[in-house]
């Protein structure tokens, strides 16, 4: 009986670890995370040479995963890559 309880405990533990590490399809959102969208908007003035980041708009709820030069994880919708080549770092 104790062995059966340990197997269930192990199974639940592994399931939770998988959800944490891989993300959860049921937990996903339809847009990028708000704090990541705001962070990208704070970076925009430094890399917006010749208005190349015009899709980065400051509208609440705008999906930064659909912006040019931004790549997001398809499940978690977290920003995973920025392609800022051929932009200029303006100080």
PDB file of N, CA and C in Angstrom:
ATOM      1  N   UNK A   1       0.815  -1.190   0.000  1.00  0.00           N
ATOM      2  CA  UNK A   1       0.000   0.000   0.000  1.00  0.00           C
ATOM      3  C   UNK A   1       0.864   1.262   0.000  1.00  0.00           C
ATOM      4  N   UNK A   2       1.922   1.263   0.807  1.00  0.00           N
ATOM      5  CA  UNK A   2       2.817   2.422   0.874  1.00  0.00           C
ATOM      6  C   UNK A   2       3.520   2.619  -0.464  1.00  0.00           C
ATOM      7  N   UNK A   3       3.910   1.528  -1.107  1.00  0.00           N
ATOM      8  CA  UNK A   3       4.576   1.607  -2.404  1.00  0.00           C
ATOM      9  C   UNK A   3       3.655   2.270  -3.438  1.00  0.00           C
ATOM     10  N   UNK A   4       2.362   1.965  -3.400  1.00  0.00           N
ATOM     11  CA  UNK A   4       1.406   2.545  -4.329  1.00  0.00           C
ATOM     12  C   UNK A   4       1.297   4.062  -4.102  1.00  0.00           C
ATOM     13  N   UNK A   5       1.299   4.491  -2.849  1.00  0.00           N
ATOM     14  CA  UNK A   5       1.233   5.914  -2.532  1.00  0.00           C
ATOM     15  C   UNK A   5       2.476   6.647  -3.046  1.00  0.00           C
ATOM     16  N   UNK A   6       3.647   6.029  -2.922  1.00  0.00           N
ATOM     17  CA  UNK A   6       4.879   6.639  -3.412  1.00  0.00           C
ATOM     18  C   UNK A   6       4.870   6.778  -4.928  1.00  0.00           C
ATOM     19  N   UNK A   7       4.299   5.793  -5.610  1.00  0.00           N
ATOM     20  CA  UNK A   7       4.210   5.875  -7.075  1.00  0.00           C
ATOM     21  C   UNK A   7       3.324   7.041  -7.491  1.00  0.00           C
ATOM     22  N   UNK A   8       2.203   7.222  -6.811  1.00  0.00           N
ATOM     23  CA  UNK A   8       1.322   8.342  -7.130  1.00  0.00           C
ATOM     24  C   UNK A   8       1.996   9.671  -6.815  1.00  0.00           C
ATOM     25  N   UNK A   9       2.694   9.729  -5.712  1.00  0.00           N
ATOM     26  CA  UNK A   9       3.409  10.942  -5.343  1.00  0.00           C
ATOM     27  C   UNK A   9       4.475  11.266  -6.389  1.00  0.00           C
ATOM     28  N   UNK A  10       5.191  10.257  -6.827  1.00  0.00           N
ATOM     29  CA  UNK A  10       6.214  10.437  -7.859  1.00  0.00           C
ATOM     30  C   UNK A  10       5.567  10.920  -9.158  1.00  0.00           C
ATOM     31  N   UNK A  11       4.449  10.318  -9.553  1.00  0.00           N
ATOM     32  CA  UNK A  11       3.746  10.691 -10.774  1.00  0.00           C
ATOM     33  C   UNK A  11       3.286  12.153 -10.713  1.00  0.00           C
ATOM     34  N   UNK A  12       2.699  12.559  -9.612  1.00  0.00           N
ATOM     35  CA  UNK A  12       2.225  13.932  -9.462  1.00  0.00           C
ATOM     36  C   UNK A  12       3.394  14.902  -9.503  1.00  0.00           C
ATOM     37  N   UNK A  13       4.472  14.543  -8.832  1.00  0.00           N
ATOM     38  CA  UNK A  13       5.662  15.395  -8.826  1.00  0.00           C
ATOM     39  C   UNK A  13       6.220  15.577 -10.236  1.00  0.00           C
ATOM     40  N   UNK A  14       6.307  14.502 -11.007  1.00  0.00           N
ATOM     41  CA  UNK A  14       6.813  14.574 -12.377  1.00  0.00           C
ATOM     42  C   UNK A  14       5.882  15.405 -13.260  1.00  0.00           C
ATOM     43  N   UNK A  15       4.587  15.262 -13.081  1.00  0.00           N
ATOM     44  CA  UNK A  15       3.622  16.033 -13.868  1.00  0.00           C
ATOM     45  C   UNK A  15       3.770  17.525 -13.586  1.00  0.00           C
ATOM     46  N   UNK A  16       3.933  17.889 -12.331  1.00  0.00           N
ATOM     47  CA  UNK A  16       4.109  19.295 -11.966  1.00  0.00           C
ATOM     48  C   UNK A  16       5.413  19.829 -12.552  1.00  0.00           C
ATOM     49  N   UNK A  17       6.486  19.059 -12.476  1.00  0.00           N
ATOM     50  CA  UNK A  17       7.766  19.493 -13.037  1.00  0.00           C
ATOM     51  C   UNK A  17       7.650  19.707 -14.543  1.00  0.00           C
ATOM     52  N   UNK A  18       6.949  18.818 -15.219  1.00  0.00           N
ATOM     53  CA  UNK A  18       6.770  18.950 -16.660  1.00  0.00           C
ATOM     54  C   UNK A  18       6.003  20.217 -16.995  1.00  0.00           C
ATOM     55  N   UNK A  19       4.966  20.506 -16.249  1.00  0.00           N
ATOM     56  CA  UNK A  19       4.197  21.727 -16.486  1.00  0.00           C
ATOM     57  C   UNK A  19       5.037  22.969 -16.252  1.00  0.00           C
ATOM     58  N   UNK A  20       5.855  22.954 -15.229  1.00  0.00           N
ATOM     59  CA  UNK A  20       6.691  24.111 -14.924  1.00  0.00           C
ATOM     60  C   UNK A  20       7.768  24.304 -15.980  1.00  0.00           C
ATOM     61  N   UNK A  21       8.418  23.229 -16.384  1.00  0.00           N
ATOM     62  CA  UNK A  21       9.526  23.332 -17.328  1.00  0.00           C
ATOM     63  C   UNK A  21       9.076  23.562 -18.764  1.00  0.00           C
ATOM     64  N   UNK A  22       8.004  22.949 -19.170  1.00  0.00           N
ATOM     65  CA  UNK A  22       7.574  23.013 -20.560  1.00  0.00           C
ATOM     66  C   UNK A  22       6.452  24.011 -20.805  1.00  0.00           C
ATOM     67  N   UNK A  23       5.829  24.483 -19.776  1.00  0.00           N
ATOM     68  CA  UNK A  23       4.671  25.349 -19.962  1.00  0.00           C
ATOM     69  C   UNK A  23       3.426  24.494 -20.096  1.00  0.00           C
ATOM     70  N   UNK A  24       2.318  25.126 -20.013  1.00  0.00           N
ATOM     71  CA  UNK A  24       1.052  24.418 -20.003  1.00  0.00           C
ATOM     72  C   UNK A  24       0.161  24.992 -21.089  1.00  0.00           C
ATOM     73  N   UNK A  25      -0.322  24.164 -21.987  1.00  0.00           N
ATOM     74  CA  UNK A  25      -1.184  24.658 -23.065  1.00  0.00           C
ATOM     75  C   UNK A  25      -2.446  25.304 -22.517  1.00  0.00           C
ATOM     76  N   UNK A  26      -2.945  24.781 -21.419  1.00  0.00           N
ATOM     77  CA  UNK A  26      -4.157  25.335 -20.818  1.00  0.00           C
ATOM     78  C   UNK A  26      -3.861  26.634 -20.095  1.00  0.00           C
ATOM     79  N   UNK A  27      -2.607  26.886 -19.786  1.00  0.00           N
ATOM     80  CA  UNK A  27      -2.232  28.096 -19.051  1.00  0.00           C
ATOM     81  C   UNK A  27      -1.818  29.217 -19.997  1.00  0.00           C
ATOM     82  N   UNK A  28      -1.762  28.952 -21.279  1.00  0.00           N
ATOM     83  CA  UNK A  28      -1.234  29.946 -22.206  1.00  0.00           C
ATOM     84  C   UNK A  28      -2.205  31.110 -22.380  1.00  0.00           C
ATOM     85  N   UNK A  29      -1.653  32.228 -22.794  1.00  0.00           N
ATOM     86  CA  UNK A  29      -2.462  33.406 -23.054  1.00  0.00           C
ATOM     87  C   UNK A  29      -2.469  33.662 -24.546  1.00  0.00           C
ATOM     88  N   UNK A  30      -3.298  34.582 -24.971  1.00  0.00           N
ATOM     89  CA  UNK A  30      -3.388  34.901 -26.388  1.00  0.00           C
ATOM     90  C   UNK A  30      -2.423  35.996 -26.814  1.00  0.00           C
ATOM     91  N   UNK A  31      -1.807  36.665 -25.853  1.00  0.00           N
ATOM     92  CA  UNK A  31      -0.902  37.757 -26.170  1.00  0.00           C
ATOM     93  C   UNK A  31       0.331  37.661 -25.271  1.00  0.00           C
ATOM     94  N   UNK A  32       1.308  38.487 -25.575  1.00  0.00           N
ATOM     95  CA  UNK A  32       2.521  38.497 -24.756  1.00  0.00           C
ATOM     96  C   UNK A  32       2.207  39.038 -23.370  1.00  0.00           C
ATOM     97  N   UNK A  33       3.114  38.818 -22.462  1.00  0.00           N
ATOM     98  CA  UNK A  33       2.929  39.301 -21.098  1.00  0.00           C
ATOM     99  C   UNK A  33       3.052  40.821 -21.058  1.00  0.00           C
ATOM    100  N   UNK A  34       2.193  41.448 -20.284  1.00  0.00           N
ATOM    101  CA  UNK A  34       2.135  42.913 -20.223  1.00  0.00           C
ATOM    102  C   UNK A  34       3.469  43.528 -19.812  1.00  0.00           C
ATOM    103  N   UNK A  35       4.133  42.960 -18.810  1.00  0.00           N
ATOM    104  CA  UNK A  35       5.404  43.559 -18.370  1.00  0.00           C
ATOM    105  C   UNK A  35       6.492  43.407 -19.434  1.00  0.00           C
ATOM    106  N   UNK A  36       6.422  42.369 -20.262  1.00  0.00           N
ATOM    107  CA  UNK A  36       7.397  42.234 -21.343  1.00  0.00           C
ATOM    108  C   UNK A  36       7.096  43.238 -22.456  1.00  0.00           C
ATOM    109  N   UNK A  37       5.814  43.466 -22.746  1.00  0.00           N
ATOM    110  CA  UNK A  37       5.425  44.471 -23.749  1.00  0.00           C
ATOM    111  C   UNK A  37       5.918  45.853 -23.326  1.00  0.00           C
ATOM    112  N   UNK A  38       5.727  46.186 -22.055  1.00  0.00           N
ATOM    113  CA  UNK A  38       6.163  47.490 -21.543  1.00  0.00           C
ATOM    114  C   UNK A  38       7.684  47.608 -21.611  1.00  0.00           C
ATOM    115  N   UNK A  39       8.397  46.534 -21.275  1.00  0.00           N
ATOM    116  CA  UNK A  39       9.869  46.557 -21.341  1.00  0.00           C
ATOM    117  C   UNK A  39      10.343  46.787 -22.772  1.00  0.00           C
ATOM    118  N   UNK A  40       9.710  46.153 -23.739  1.00  0.00           N
ATOM    119  CA  UNK A  40      10.090  46.364 -25.138  1.00  0.00           C
ATOM    120  C   UNK A  40       9.840  47.811 -25.555  1.00  0.00           C
ATOM    121  N   UNK A  41       8.744  48.379 -25.093  1.00  0.00           N
ATOM    122  CA  UNK A  41       8.462  49.777 -25.429  1.00  0.00           C
ATOM    123  C   UNK A  41       9.501  50.716 -24.820  1.00  0.00           C
ATOM    124  N   UNK A  42      10.062  50.350 -23.673  1.00  0.00           N
ATOM    125  CA  UNK A  42      11.138  51.151 -23.077  1.00  0.00           C
ATOM    126  C   UNK A  42      12.428  51.035 -23.893  1.00  0.00           C
ATOM    127  N   UNK A  43      12.639  49.910 -24.552  1.00  0.00           N
ATOM    128  CA  UNK A  43      13.831  49.726 -25.391  1.00  0.00           C
ATOM    129  C   UNK A  43      13.689  50.389 -26.759  1.00  0.00           C
ATOM    130  N   UNK A  44      12.477  50.541 -27.223  1.00  0.00           N
ATOM    131  CA  UNK A  44      12.218  51.022 -28.586  1.00  0.00           C
ATOM    132  C   UNK A  44      12.980  52.300 -28.949  1.00  0.00           C
ATOM    133  N   UNK A  45      13.005  53.330 -28.123  1.00  0.00           N
ATOM    134  CA  UNK A  45      13.700  54.558 -28.526  1.00  0.00           C
ATOM    135  C   UNK A  45      15.190  54.366 -28.816  1.00  0.00           C
ATOM    136  N   UNK A  46      15.795  53.368 -28.223  1.00  0.00           N
ATOM    137  CA  UNK A  46      17.228  53.140 -28.417  1.00  0.00           C
ATOM    138  C   UNK A  46      17.541  52.395 -29.715  1.00  0.00           C
ATOM    139  N   UNK A  47      16.555  51.704 -30.289  1.00  0.00           N
ATOM    140  CA  UNK A  47      16.798  50.877 -31.473  1.00  0.00           C
ATOM    141  C   UNK A  47      15.888  51.209 -32.642  1.00  0.00           C
ATOM    142  N   UNK A  48      15.175  52.285 -32.578  1.00  0.00           N
ATOM    143  CA  UNK A  48      14.191  52.590 -33.618  1.00  0.00           C
ATOM    144  C   UNK A  48      14.769  53.488 -34.708  1.00  0.00           C
ATOM    145  N   UNK A  49      15.911  53.110 -35.220  1.00  0.00           N
ATOM    146  CA  UNK A  49      16.548  53.862 -36.293  1.00  0.00           C
ATOM    147  C   UNK A  49      15.659  53.842 -37.539  1.00  0.00           C
ATOM    148  N   UNK A  50      15.408  54.998 -38.100  1.00  0.00           N
ATOM    149  CA  UNK A  50      14.623  55.134 -39.328  1.00  0.00           C
ATOM    150  C   UNK A  50      13.231  54.492 -39.189  1.00  0.00           C
ATOM    151  N   UNK A  51      12.662  54.559 -37.989  1.00  0.00           N
ATOM    152  CA  UNK A  51      11.310  54.067 -37.705  1.00  0.00           C
ATOM    153  C   UNK A  51      11.130  52.587 -38.087  1.00  0.00           C
ATOM    154  N   UNK A  52      12.152  51.773 -37.851  1.00  0.00           N
ATOM    155  CA  UNK A  52      12.094  50.357 -38.217  1.00  0.00           C
ATOM    156  C   UNK A  52      11.223  49.527 -37.292  1.00  0.00           C
ATOM    157  N   UNK A  53      10.889  50.053 -36.132  1.00  0.00           N
ATOM    158  CA  UNK A  53      10.076  49.294 -35.177  1.00  0.00           C
ATOM    159  C   UNK A  53       8.664  49.874 -35.091  1.00  0.00           C
ATOM    160  N   UNK A  54       8.113  50.226 -36.237  1.00  0.00           N
ATOM    161  CA  UNK A  54       6.814  50.901 -36.256  1.00  0.00           C
ATOM    162  C   UNK A  54       5.666  50.003 -35.793  1.00  0.00           C
ATOM    163  N   UNK A  55       5.859  48.684 -35.815  1.00  0.00           N
ATOM    164  CA  UNK A  55       4.802  47.788 -35.326  1.00  0.00           C
ATOM    165  C   UNK A  55       4.757  47.736 -33.802  1.00  0.00           C
ATOM    166  N   UNK A  56       5.793  48.257 -33.153  1.00  0.00           N
ATOM    167  CA  UNK A  56       5.839  48.281 -31.690  1.00  0.00           C
ATOM    168  C   UNK A  56       4.996  49.461 -31.211  1.00  0.00           C
ATOM    169  N   UNK A  57       3.740  49.238 -31.018  1.00  0.00           N
ATOM    170  CA  UNK A  57       2.818  50.328 -30.683  1.00  0.00           C
ATOM    171  C   UNK A  57       2.474  50.329 -29.205  1.00  0.00           C
ATOM    172  N   UNK A  58       2.235  51.518 -28.699  1.00  0.00           N
ATOM    173  CA  UNK A  58       1.944  51.678 -27.280  1.00  0.00           C
ATOM    174  C   UNK A  58       0.427  51.705 -27.063  1.00  0.00           C
ATOM    175  N   UNK A  59      -0.189  50.550 -27.254  1.00  0.00           N
ATOM    176  CA  UNK A  59      -1.615  50.375 -27.025  1.00  0.00           C
ATOM    177  C   UNK A  59      -1.767  49.245 -26.024  1.00  0.00           C
ATOM    178  N   UNK A  60      -2.430  49.517 -24.926  1.00  0.00           N
ATOM    179  CA  UNK A  60      -2.585  48.498 -23.878  1.00  0.00           C
ATOM    180  C   UNK A  60      -3.210  47.241 -24.484  1.00  0.00           C
ATOM    181  N   UNK A  61      -2.592  46.110 -24.202  1.00  0.00           N
ATOM    182  CA  UNK A  61      -3.088  44.834 -24.705  1.00  0.00           C
ATOM    183  C   UNK A  61      -2.577  44.466 -26.084  1.00  0.00           C
ATOM    184  N   UNK A  62      -1.787  45.350 -26.699  1.00  0.00           N
ATOM    185  CA  UNK A  62      -1.209  45.028 -28.000  1.00  0.00           C
ATOM    186  C   UNK A  62      -0.317  43.796 -27.848  1.00  0.00           C
ATOM    187  N   UNK A  63      -0.403  42.875 -28.780  1.00  0.00           N
ATOM    188  CA  UNK A  63       0.339  41.618 -28.691  1.00  0.00           C
ATOM    189  C   UNK A  63       1.744  41.787 -29.249  1.00  0.00           C
ATOM    190  N   UNK A  64       2.719  41.918 -28.359  1.00  0.00           N
ATOM    191  CA  UNK A  64       4.090  42.123 -28.815  1.00  0.00           C
ATOM    192  C   UNK A  64       4.641  40.888 -29.539  1.00  0.00           C
ATOM    193  N   UNK A  65       3.995  39.746 -29.394  1.00  0.00           N
ATOM    194  CA  UNK A  65       4.442  38.556 -30.124  1.00  0.00           C
ATOM    195  C   UNK A  65       4.182  38.686 -31.620  1.00  0.00           C
ATOM    196  N   UNK A  66       3.344  39.627 -32.007  1.00  0.00           N
ATOM    197  CA  UNK A  66       3.051  39.862 -33.423  1.00  0.00           C
ATOM    198  C   UNK A  66       3.859  41.022 -33.983  1.00  0.00           C
ATOM    199  N   UNK A  67       4.671  41.655 -33.142  1.00  0.00           N
ATOM    200  CA  UNK A  67       5.478  42.776 -33.600  1.00  0.00           C
ATOM    201  C   UNK A  67       6.643  42.272 -34.447  1.00  0.00           C
ATOM    202  N   UNK A  68       7.081  43.137 -35.367  1.00  0.00           N
ATOM    203  CA  UNK A  68       8.260  42.832 -36.169  1.00  0.00           C
ATOM    204  C   UNK A  68       9.474  42.696 -35.251  1.00  0.00           C
ATOM    205  N   UNK A  69      10.334  41.752 -35.566  1.00  0.00           N
ATOM    206  CA  UNK A  69      11.605  41.545 -34.871  1.00  0.00           C
ATOM    207  C   UNK A  69      11.474  40.970 -33.459  1.00  0.00           C
ATOM    208  N   UNK A  70      10.289  40.470 -33.111  1.00  0.00           N
ATOM    209  CA  UNK A  70      10.059  39.860 -31.798  1.00  0.00           C
ATOM    210  C   UNK A  70       9.594  38.430 -32.020  1.00  0.00           C
ATOM    211  N   UNK A  71      10.218  37.502 -31.307  1.00  0.00           N
ATOM    212  CA  UNK A  71       9.802  36.101 -31.380  1.00  0.00           C
ATOM    213  C   UNK A  71       9.405  35.642 -29.986  1.00  0.00           C
ATOM    214  N   UNK A  72       8.267  34.945 -29.916  1.00  0.00           N
ATOM    215  CA  UNK A  72       7.766  34.458 -28.636  1.00  0.00           C
ATOM    216  C   UNK A  72       7.635  32.939 -28.659  1.00  0.00           C
ATOM    217  N   UNK A  73       7.663  32.352 -27.485  1.00  0.00           N
ATOM    218  CA  UNK A  73       7.373  30.928 -27.339  1.00  0.00           C
ATOM    219  C   UNK A  73       5.902  30.738 -27.675  1.00  0.00           C
ATOM    220  N   UNK A  74       5.591  29.762 -28.506  1.00  0.00           N
ATOM    221  CA  UNK A  74       4.215  29.579 -28.967  1.00  0.00           C
ATOM    222  C   UNK A  74       3.266  29.096 -27.877  1.00  0.00           C
ATOM    223  N   UNK A  75       3.805  28.531 -26.815  1.00  0.00           N
ATOM    224  CA  UNK A  75       2.951  28.035 -25.733  1.00  0.00           C
ATOM    225  C   UNK A  75       2.833  29.053 -24.609  1.00  0.00           C
ATOM    226  N   UNK A  76       3.964  29.531 -24.121  1.00  0.00           N
ATOM    227  CA  UNK A  76       3.948  30.427 -22.964  1.00  0.00           C
ATOM    228  C   UNK A  76       3.727  31.881 -23.341  1.00  0.00           C
ATOM    229  N   UNK A  77       3.956  32.231 -24.622  1.00  0.00           N
ATOM    230  CA  UNK A  77       3.853  33.592 -25.125  1.00  0.00           C
ATOM    231  C   UNK A  77       4.887  34.522 -24.499  1.00  0.00           C
ATOM    232  N   UNK A  78       5.957  33.958 -23.948  1.00  0.00           N
ATOM    233  CA  UNK A  78       7.067  34.750 -23.412  1.00  0.00           C
ATOM    234  C   UNK A  78       7.989  35.136 -24.564  1.00  0.00           C
ATOM    235  N   UNK A  79       8.537  36.340 -24.513  1.00  0.00           N
ATOM    236  CA  UNK A  79       9.491  36.782 -25.521  1.00  0.00           C
ATOM    237  C   UNK A  79      10.767  35.963 -25.360  1.00  0.00           C
ATOM    238  N   UNK A  80      11.214  35.362 -26.470  1.00  0.00           N
ATOM    239  CA  UNK A  80      12.414  34.526 -26.410  1.00  0.00           C
ATOM    240  C   UNK A  80      13.545  35.059 -27.285  1.00  0.00           C
ATOM    241  N   UNK A  81      13.214  35.966 -28.221  1.00  0.00           N
ATOM    242  CA  UNK A  81      14.284  36.473 -29.093  1.00  0.00           C
ATOM    243  C   UNK A  81      13.889  37.817 -29.685  1.00  0.00           C
ATOM    244  N   UNK A  82      14.876  38.702 -29.770  1.00  0.00           N
ATOM    245  CA  UNK A  82      14.726  39.971 -30.482  1.00  0.00           C
ATOM    246  C   UNK A  82      15.728  39.985 -31.621  1.00  0.00           C
ATOM    247  N   UNK A  83      15.307  40.429 -32.786  1.00  0.00           N
ATOM    248  CA  UNK A  83      16.199  40.553 -33.937  1.00  0.00           C
ATOM    249  C   UNK A  83      16.403  42.029 -34.212  1.00  0.00           C
ATOM    250  N   UNK A  84      17.393  42.594 -33.584  1.00  0.00           N
ATOM    251  CA  UNK A  84      17.637  44.025 -33.699  1.00  0.00           C
ATOM    252  C   UNK A  84      18.818  44.349 -34.599  1.00  0.00           C
ATOM    253  N   UNK A  85      19.178  43.395 -35.455  1.00  0.00           N
ATOM    254  CA  UNK A  85      20.250  43.660 -36.407  1.00  0.00           C
ATOM    255  C   UNK A  85      19.785  44.743 -37.406  1.00  0.00           C
ATOM    256  N   UNK A  86      20.705  45.516 -37.877  1.00  0.00           N
ATOM    257  CA  UNK A  86      20.457  46.629 -38.800  1.00  0.00           C
ATOM    258  C   UNK A  86      19.594  47.725 -38.180  1.00  0.00           C
ATOM    259  N   UNK A  87      19.586  47.782 -36.860  1.00  0.00           N
ATOM    260  CA  UNK A  87      19.000  48.915 -36.170  1.00  0.00           C
ATOM    261  C   UNK A  87      20.161  49.631 -35.506  1.00  0.00           C
ATOM    262  N   UNK A  88      19.920  50.780 -34.989  1.00  0.00           N
ATOM    263  CA  UNK A  88      21.014  51.568 -34.414  1.00  0.00           C
ATOM    264  C   UNK A  88      20.771  51.771 -32.936  1.00  0.00           C
ATOM    265  N   UNK A  89      21.836  51.648 -32.155  1.00  0.00           N
ATOM    266  CA  UNK A  89      21.756  51.957 -30.738  1.00  0.00           C
ATOM    267  C   UNK A  89      21.965  53.457 -30.607  1.00  0.00           C
ATOM    268  N   UNK A  90      20.894  54.178 -30.303  1.00  0.00           N
ATOM    269  CA  UNK A  90      20.934  55.633 -30.183  1.00  0.00           C
ATOM    270  C   UNK A  90      21.077  56.047 -28.740  1.00  0.00           C
ATOM    271  N   UNK A  91      22.054  56.853 -28.436  1.00  0.00           N
ATOM    272  CA  UNK A  91      22.230  57.357 -27.065  1.00  0.00           C
ATOM    273  C   UNK A  91      21.963  58.819 -27.026  1.00  0.00           C
TER     274      UNK A  91
END
